[in-house]
Amino acid sequence: LRHPQIGSSWYANGPAATHAILERFL
């Protein structure tokens, strides 16, 4: 909440990136 860019970067490089890897495989 204090540093919203951290949350955005974490989501983009973490969950969103891993979702994309699995989506390509499926």
PDB file of all heavy atoms in Angstrom:
ATOM      1  N   LEU A   1       0.827  -1.206   0.000  1.00  0.00           N
ATOM      2  CA  LEU A   1       0.000   0.000   0.000  1.00  0.00           C
ATOM      3  C   LEU A   1       0.858   1.251   0.000  1.00  0.00           C
ATOM      4  O   LEU A   1       0.524   2.240  -0.657  1.00  0.00           O
ATOM      5  CB  LEU A   1      -0.938  -0.008   1.219  1.00  0.00           C
ATOM      6  CG  LEU A   1      -2.061  -1.042   1.177  1.00  0.00           C
ATOM      7  CD1 LEU A   1      -2.923  -0.943   2.440  1.00  0.00           C
ATOM      8  CD2 LEU A   1      -2.933  -0.858  -0.063  1.00  0.00           C
ATOM      9  N   ARG A   2       1.957   1.246   0.739  1.00  0.00           N
ATOM     10  CA  ARG A   2       2.826   2.417   0.788  1.00  0.00           C
ATOM     11  C   ARG A   2       3.651   2.543  -0.490  1.00  0.00           C
ATOM     12  O   ARG A   2       3.951   3.653  -0.937  1.00  0.00           O
ATOM     13  CB  ARG A   2       3.753   2.327   2.008  1.00  0.00           C
ATOM     14  CG  ARG A   2       4.745   3.466   2.077  1.00  0.00           C
ATOM     15  CD  ARG A   2       5.430   3.637   3.404  1.00  0.00           C
ATOM     16  NE  ARG A   2       5.698   2.383   4.096  1.00  0.00           N
ATOM     17  CZ  ARG A   2       6.107   2.348   5.375  1.00  0.00           C
ATOM     18  NH1 ARG A   2       6.238   3.479   6.048  1.00  0.00           N
ATOM     19  NH2 ARG A   2       6.362   1.205   5.959  1.00  0.00           N
ATOM     20  N   HIS A   3       4.026   1.406  -1.075  1.00  0.00           N
ATOM     21  CA  HIS A   3       4.827   1.403  -2.305  1.00  0.00           C
ATOM     22  C   HIS A   3       4.100   0.549  -3.343  1.00  0.00           C
ATOM     23  O   HIS A   3       4.479  -0.598  -3.592  1.00  0.00           O
ATOM     24  CB  HIS A   3       6.224   0.835  -2.050  1.00  0.00           C
ATOM     25  CG  HIS A   3       7.031   1.588  -1.040  1.00  0.00           C
ATOM     26  ND1 HIS A   3       7.138   1.198   0.274  1.00  0.00           N
ATOM     27  CD2 HIS A   3       7.753   2.733  -1.158  1.00  0.00           C
ATOM     28  CE1 HIS A   3       7.912   2.055   0.915  1.00  0.00           C
ATOM     29  NE2 HIS A   3       8.301   2.994   0.070  1.00  0.00           N
ATOM     30  N   PRO A   4       3.039   1.074  -3.971  1.00  0.00           N
ATOM     31  CA  PRO A   4       2.224   0.250  -4.874  1.00  0.00           C
ATOM     32  C   PRO A   4       2.999  -0.336  -6.048  1.00  0.00           C
ATOM     33  O   PRO A   4       2.611  -1.387  -6.569  1.00  0.00           O
ATOM     34  CB  PRO A   4       1.129   1.211  -5.340  1.00  0.00           C
ATOM     35  CG  PRO A   4       1.581   2.576  -4.976  1.00  0.00           C
ATOM     36  CD  PRO A   4       2.503   2.435  -3.813  1.00  0.00           C
ATOM     37  N   GLN A   5       4.098   0.307  -6.451  1.00  0.00           N
ATOM     38  CA  GLN A   5       4.866  -0.245  -7.561  1.00  0.00           C
ATOM     39  C   GLN A   5       5.483  -1.589  -7.203  1.00  0.00           C
ATOM     40  O   GLN A   5       5.739  -2.417  -8.080  1.00  0.00           O
ATOM     41  CB  GLN A   5       5.945   0.737  -8.057  1.00  0.00           C
ATOM     42  CG  GLN A   5       6.955   1.170  -7.014  1.00  0.00           C
ATOM     43  CD  GLN A   5       6.546   2.422  -6.287  1.00  0.00           C
ATOM     44  OE1 GLN A   5       5.506   2.464  -5.646  1.00  0.00           O
ATOM     45  NE2 GLN A   5       7.381   3.451  -6.368  1.00  0.00           N
ATOM     46  N   ILE A   6       5.716  -1.833  -5.911  1.00  0.00           N
ATOM     47  CA  ILE A   6       6.249  -3.130  -5.493  1.00  0.00           C
ATOM     48  C   ILE A   6       5.218  -4.221  -5.740  1.00  0.00           C
ATOM     49  O   ILE A   6       5.526  -5.281  -6.278  1.00  0.00           O
ATOM     50  CB  ILE A   6       6.654  -3.096  -4.003  1.00  0.00           C
ATOM     51  CG1 ILE A   6       7.909  -2.261  -3.826  1.00  0.00           C
ATOM     52  CG2 ILE A   6       6.893  -4.512  -3.474  1.00  0.00           C
ATOM     53  CD1 ILE A   6       8.320  -2.099  -2.388  1.00  0.00           C
ATOM     54  N   GLY A   7       3.975  -3.956  -5.334  1.00  0.00           N
ATOM     55  CA  GLY A   7       2.922  -4.936  -5.570  1.00  0.00           C
ATOM     56  C   GLY A   7       2.722  -5.207  -7.047  1.00  0.00           C
ATOM     57  O   GLY A   7       2.568  -6.362  -7.463  1.00  0.00           O
ATOM     58  N   SER A   8       2.739  -4.149  -7.850  1.00  0.00           N
ATOM     59  CA  SER A   8       2.552  -4.311  -9.297  1.00  0.00           C
ATOM     60  C   SER A   8       3.688  -5.120  -9.911  1.00  0.00           C
ATOM     61  O   SER A   8       3.458  -6.014 -10.738  1.00  0.00           O
ATOM     62  CB  SER A   8       2.477  -2.936  -9.968  1.00  0.00           C
ATOM     63  OG  SER A   8       1.370  -2.210  -9.491  1.00  0.00           O
ATOM     64  N   SER A   9       4.913  -4.820  -9.495  1.00  0.00           N
ATOM     65  CA  SER A   9       6.063  -5.540 -10.040  1.00  0.00           C
ATOM     66  C   SER A   9       6.060  -6.989  -9.586  1.00  0.00           C
ATOM     67  O   SER A   9       6.350  -7.903 -10.372  1.00  0.00           O
ATOM     68  CB  SER A   9       7.362  -4.851  -9.606  1.00  0.00           C
ATOM     69  OG  SER A   9       8.478  -5.508 -10.149  1.00  0.00           O
ATOM     70  N   TRP A  10       5.719  -7.217  -8.309  1.00  0.00           N
ATOM     71  CA  TRP A  10       5.640  -8.591  -7.802  1.00  0.00           C
ATOM     72  C   TRP A  10       4.613  -9.387  -8.606  1.00  0.00           C
ATOM     73  O   TRP A  10       4.881 -10.519  -9.013  1.00  0.00           O
ATOM     74  CB  TRP A  10       5.243  -8.582  -6.322  1.00  0.00           C
ATOM     75  CG  TRP A  10       4.780  -9.921  -5.834  1.00  0.00           C
ATOM     76  CD1 TRP A  10       5.561 -10.976  -5.456  1.00  0.00           C
ATOM     77  CD2 TRP A  10       3.426 -10.375  -5.712  1.00  0.00           C
ATOM     78  NE1 TRP A  10       4.776 -12.060  -5.108  1.00  0.00           N
ATOM     79  CE2 TRP A  10       3.461 -11.718  -5.250  1.00  0.00           C
ATOM     80  CE3 TRP A  10       2.189  -9.774  -5.933  1.00  0.00           C
ATOM     81  CZ2 TRP A  10       2.306 -12.458  -5.021  1.00  0.00           C
ATOM     82  CZ3 TRP A  10       1.033 -10.507  -5.698  1.00  0.00           C
ATOM     83  CH2 TRP A  10       1.103 -11.841  -5.243  1.00  0.00           C
ATOM     84  N   TYR A  11       3.445  -8.803  -8.866  1.00  0.00           N
ATOM     85  CA  TYR A  11       2.412  -9.548  -9.577  1.00  0.00           C
ATOM     86  C   TYR A  11       2.823  -9.822 -11.023  1.00  0.00           C
ATOM     87  O   TYR A  11       2.647 -10.931 -11.533  1.00  0.00           O
ATOM     88  CB  TYR A  11       1.075  -8.811  -9.550  1.00  0.00           C
ATOM     89  CG  TYR A  11      -0.036  -9.677 -10.099  1.00  0.00           C
ATOM     90  CD1 TYR A  11      -0.616 -10.663  -9.311  1.00  0.00           C
ATOM     91  CD2 TYR A  11      -0.464  -9.544 -11.418  1.00  0.00           C
ATOM     92  CE1 TYR A  11      -1.599 -11.500  -9.817  1.00  0.00           C
ATOM     93  CE2 TYR A  11      -1.445 -10.376 -11.935  1.00  0.00           C
ATOM     94  CZ  TYR A  11      -2.013 -11.346 -11.126  1.00  0.00           C
ATOM     95  OH  TYR A  11      -2.969 -12.178 -11.636  1.00  0.00           O
ATOM     96  N   ALA A  12       3.385  -8.807 -11.679  1.00  0.00           N
ATOM     97  CA  ALA A  12       3.775  -8.968 -13.084  1.00  0.00           C
ATOM     98  C   ALA A  12       4.888  -9.997 -13.248  1.00  0.00           C
ATOM     99  O   ALA A  12       4.858 -10.820 -14.171  1.00  0.00           O
ATOM    100  CB  ALA A  12       4.220  -7.625 -13.661  1.00  0.00           C
ATOM    101  N   ASN A  13       5.883  -9.957 -12.360  1.00  0.00           N
ATOM    102  CA  ASN A  13       7.035 -10.856 -12.491  1.00  0.00           C
ATOM    103  C   ASN A  13       6.832 -12.200 -11.801  1.00  0.00           C
ATOM    104  O   ASN A  13       7.561 -13.145 -12.072  1.00  0.00           O
ATOM    105  CB  ASN A  13       8.282 -10.184 -11.898  1.00  0.00           C
ATOM    106  CG  ASN A  13       8.789  -9.046 -12.742  1.00  0.00           C
ATOM    107  OD1 ASN A  13       9.398  -9.255 -13.779  1.00  0.00           O
ATOM    108  ND2 ASN A  13       8.513  -7.825 -12.307  1.00  0.00           N
ATOM    109  N   GLY A  14       5.829 -12.258 -10.896  1.00  0.00           N
ATOM    110  CA  GLY A  14       5.565 -13.486 -10.162  1.00  0.00           C
ATOM    111  C   GLY A  14       4.353 -14.227 -10.700  1.00  0.00           C
ATOM    112  O   GLY A  14       4.456 -14.956 -11.687  1.00  0.00           O
ATOM    113  N   PRO A  15       3.182 -14.048 -10.076  1.00  0.00           N
ATOM    114  CA  PRO A  15       2.001 -14.809 -10.502  1.00  0.00           C
ATOM    115  C   PRO A  15       1.668 -14.689 -11.981  1.00  0.00           C
ATOM    116  O   PRO A  15       1.408 -15.698 -12.639  1.00  0.00           O
ATOM    117  CB  PRO A  15       0.889 -14.222  -9.625  1.00  0.00           C
ATOM    118  CG  PRO A  15       1.589 -13.765  -8.394  1.00  0.00           C
ATOM    119  CD  PRO A  15       2.918 -13.249  -8.855  1.00  0.00           C
ATOM    120  N   ALA A  16       1.655 -13.478 -12.524  1.00  0.00           N
ATOM    121  CA  ALA A  16       1.282 -13.325 -13.932  1.00  0.00           C
ATOM    122  C   ALA A  16       2.260 -14.060 -14.849  1.00  0.00           C
ATOM    123  O   ALA A  16       1.863 -14.675 -15.840  1.00  0.00           O
ATOM    124  CB  ALA A  16       1.203 -11.841 -14.308  1.00  0.00           C
ATOM    125  N   ALA A  17       3.556 -13.991 -14.514  1.00  0.00           N
ATOM    126  CA  ALA A  17       4.561 -14.670 -15.336  1.00  0.00           C
ATOM    127  C   ALA A  17       4.420 -16.180 -15.267  1.00  0.00           C
ATOM    128  O   ALA A  17       4.532 -16.882 -16.284  1.00  0.00           O
ATOM    129  CB  ALA A  17       5.960 -14.245 -14.900  1.00  0.00           C
ATOM    130  N   THR A  18       4.163 -16.713 -14.061  1.00  0.00           N
ATOM    131  CA  THR A  18       4.022 -18.160 -13.941  1.00  0.00           C
ATOM    132  C   THR A  18       2.711 -18.654 -14.543  1.00  0.00           C
ATOM    133  O   THR A  18       2.666 -19.732 -15.143  1.00  0.00           O
ATOM    134  CB  THR A  18       4.151 -18.606 -12.471  1.00  0.00           C
ATOM    135  OG1 THR A  18       3.259 -17.845 -11.650  1.00  0.00           O
ATOM    136  CG2 THR A  18       5.558 -18.396 -11.972  1.00  0.00           C
ATOM    137  N   HIS A  19       1.651 -17.856 -14.415  1.00  0.00           N
ATOM    138  CA  HIS A  19       0.405 -18.203 -15.106  1.00  0.00           C
ATOM    139  C   HIS A  19       0.654 -18.332 -16.606  1.00  0.00           C
ATOM    140  O   HIS A  19       0.145 -19.243 -17.261  1.00  0.00           O
ATOM    141  CB  HIS A  19      -0.663 -17.135 -14.882  1.00  0.00           C
ATOM    142  CG  HIS A  19      -1.121 -17.014 -13.466  1.00  0.00           C
ATOM    143  ND1 HIS A  19      -1.791 -15.897 -12.995  1.00  0.00           N
ATOM    144  CD2 HIS A  19      -1.019 -17.857 -12.407  1.00  0.00           C
ATOM    145  CE1 HIS A  19      -2.075 -16.069 -11.719  1.00  0.00           C
ATOM    146  NE2 HIS A  19      -1.619 -17.242 -11.341  1.00  0.00           N
ATOM    147  N   ALA A  20       1.415 -17.378 -17.157  1.00  0.00           N
ATOM    148  CA  ALA A  20       1.657 -17.372 -18.607  1.00  0.00           C
ATOM    149  C   ALA A  20       2.442 -18.602 -19.047  1.00  0.00           C
ATOM    150  O   ALA A  20       2.191 -19.163 -20.118  1.00  0.00           O
ATOM    151  CB  ALA A  20       2.406 -16.097 -18.999  1.00  0.00           C
ATOM    152  N   ILE A  21       3.427 -19.031 -18.240  1.00  0.00           N
ATOM    153  CA  ILE A  21       4.193 -20.237 -18.569  1.00  0.00           C
ATOM    154  C   ILE A  21       3.265 -21.450 -18.659  1.00  0.00           C
ATOM    155  O   ILE A  21       3.319 -22.235 -19.611  1.00  0.00           O
ATOM    156  CB  ILE A  21       5.284 -20.488 -17.499  1.00  0.00           C
ATOM    157  CG1 ILE A  21       6.352 -19.397 -17.566  1.00  0.00           C
ATOM    158  CG2 ILE A  21       5.911 -21.871 -17.677  1.00  0.00           C
ATOM    159  CD1 ILE A  21       7.284 -19.380 -16.361  1.00  0.00           C
ATOM    160  N   LEU A  22       2.407 -21.585 -17.671  1.00  0.00           N
ATOM    161  CA  LEU A  22       1.502 -22.731 -17.652  1.00  0.00           C
ATOM    162  C   LEU A  22       0.445 -22.625 -18.747  1.00  0.00           C
ATOM    163  O   LEU A  22       0.080 -23.634 -19.369  1.00  0.00           O
ATOM    164  CB  LEU A  22       0.831 -22.843 -16.286  1.00  0.00           C
ATOM    165  CG  LEU A  22      -0.016 -24.093 -16.049  1.00  0.00           C
ATOM    166  CD1 LEU A  22       0.763 -25.366 -16.360  1.00  0.00           C
ATOM    167  CD2 LEU A  22      -0.539 -24.119 -14.616  1.00  0.00           C
ATOM    168  N   GLU A  23      -0.029 -21.426 -19.006  1.00  0.00           N
ATOM    169  CA  GLU A  23      -1.011 -21.241 -20.073  1.00  0.00           C
ATOM    170  C   GLU A  23      -0.430 -21.680 -21.418  1.00  0.00           C
ATOM    171  O   GLU A  23      -1.105 -22.364 -22.205  1.00  0.00           O
ATOM    172  CB  GLU A  23      -1.454 -19.783 -20.152  1.00  0.00           C
ATOM    173  CG  GLU A  23      -2.463 -19.526 -21.256  1.00  0.00           C
ATOM    174  CD  GLU A  23      -2.796 -18.047 -21.442  1.00  0.00           C
ATOM    175  OE1 GLU A  23      -2.442 -17.236 -20.570  1.00  0.00           O
ATOM    176  OE2 GLU A  23      -3.396 -17.716 -22.489  1.00  0.00           O
ATOM    177  N   ARG A  24       0.827 -21.305 -21.700  1.00  0.00           N
ATOM    178  CA  ARG A  24       1.456 -21.713 -22.968  1.00  0.00           C
ATOM    179  C   ARG A  24       1.553 -23.234 -23.065  1.00  0.00           C
ATOM    180  O   ARG A  24       1.311 -23.808 -24.125  1.00  0.00           O
ATOM    181  CB  ARG A  24       2.850 -21.074 -23.095  1.00  0.00           C
ATOM    182  CG  ARG A  24       2.832 -19.589 -23.393  1.00  0.00           C
ATOM    183  CD  ARG A  24       4.192 -19.086 -23.836  1.00  0.00           C
ATOM    184  NE  ARG A  24       5.188 -19.194 -22.782  1.00  0.00           N
ATOM    185  CZ  ARG A  24       5.419 -18.256 -21.872  1.00  0.00           C
ATOM    186  NH1 ARG A  24       4.699 -17.132 -21.879  1.00  0.00           N
ATOM    187  NH2 ARG A  24       6.354 -18.410 -20.949  1.00  0.00           N
ATOM    188  N   PHE A  25       1.912 -23.868 -21.957  1.00  0.00           N
ATOM    189  CA  PHE A  25       1.991 -25.327 -21.953  1.00  0.00           C
ATOM    190  C   PHE A  25       0.622 -25.957 -22.222  1.00  0.00           C
ATOM    191  O   PHE A  25       0.511 -26.907 -23.025  1.00  0.00           O
ATOM    192  CB  PHE A  25       2.527 -25.807 -20.602  1.00  0.00           C
ATOM    193  CG  PHE A  25       2.464 -27.293 -20.413  1.00  0.00           C
ATOM    194  CD1 PHE A  25       3.293 -28.140 -21.136  1.00  0.00           C
ATOM    195  CD2 PHE A  25       1.557 -27.863 -19.517  1.00  0.00           C
ATOM    196  CE1 PHE A  25       3.225 -29.525 -20.972  1.00  0.00           C
ATOM    197  CE2 PHE A  25       1.483 -29.234 -19.347  1.00  0.00           C
ATOM    198  CZ  PHE A  25       2.325 -30.066 -20.083  1.00  0.00           C
ATOM    199  N   LEU A  26      -0.420 -25.432 -21.589  1.00  0.00           N
ATOM    200  CA  LEU A  26      -1.762 -25.993 -21.794  1.00  0.00           C
ATOM    201  C   LEU A  26      -2.257 -25.766 -23.218  1.00  0.00           C
ATOM    202  O   LEU A  26      -2.938 -26.623 -23.789  1.00  0.00           O
ATOM    203  CB  LEU A  26      -2.733 -25.390 -20.776  1.00  0.00           C
ATOM    204  CG  LEU A  26      -2.470 -25.775 -19.307  1.00  0.00           C
ATOM    205  CD1 LEU A  26      -3.396 -25.005 -18.378  1.00  0.00           C
ATOM    206  CD2 LEU A  26      -2.620 -27.278 -19.103  1.00  0.00           C
TER     207      LEU A  26
END
